[in-house]
Amino acid sequence: MDQRNLFDTPATYRLLRLENLAGLLVALAMLATHYTQVRWWTFVLLFAYIDAIGYLPGAIAYRRAHGRSISQAYYFLYNSTHSLLSGLAVAGIWAIVVGPEWALLAIPIHLFGDRSIFGNFLKPFGVSFEPVAHPAFSRFQSSYASHAVDDERSRDVPL
């Protein structure tokens, strides 16, 4: 993927998930190291707010829409709460107002977990809120795969 080819192949998608798995494992190791110092109700609150605000409203709207499109506001809520930048902002504000604490690890654990375990990244407005193959992208993938095979064959031609 680059600035002119905004898509992932299955291999690059797996690599992105693997990078996020590394972040998840680091955050979990830090949590395990300091588990006796974690305020667990705070951890649960910080873990849950991301989906309570960002995912559940859109998921409910999606199910009620029965195949019709839903408001972009749900995508905005999802992307806002599932962004590492907003997570950093929430953690920073919390640390300033309440104080730094190990329960803040709930935020990166949630975000890295979504990306690494479930493969969920930010949601573009033009795709289904829940994972459904977009017909145009499916056609593109087929075309891309056939061109990749053709490119490989052309490289194997002896000079």
Foldseek 3Di string as FASTA:
>chain_A
DDPVDPDDDPVVLLVQLVVLVVLLVVLVVLCVVCVVFAPVVLLCVLLPVLCVFQPVVLVVQLVVVVPDADDCVNLVRNQCSLDPVNLVVVQVVCCVPVNHGSSSSSRSNNNSCCCNVVVDDRDDRPDRSDDDDDVVVVVVVVVVVVVVVVVVVVVPDDD
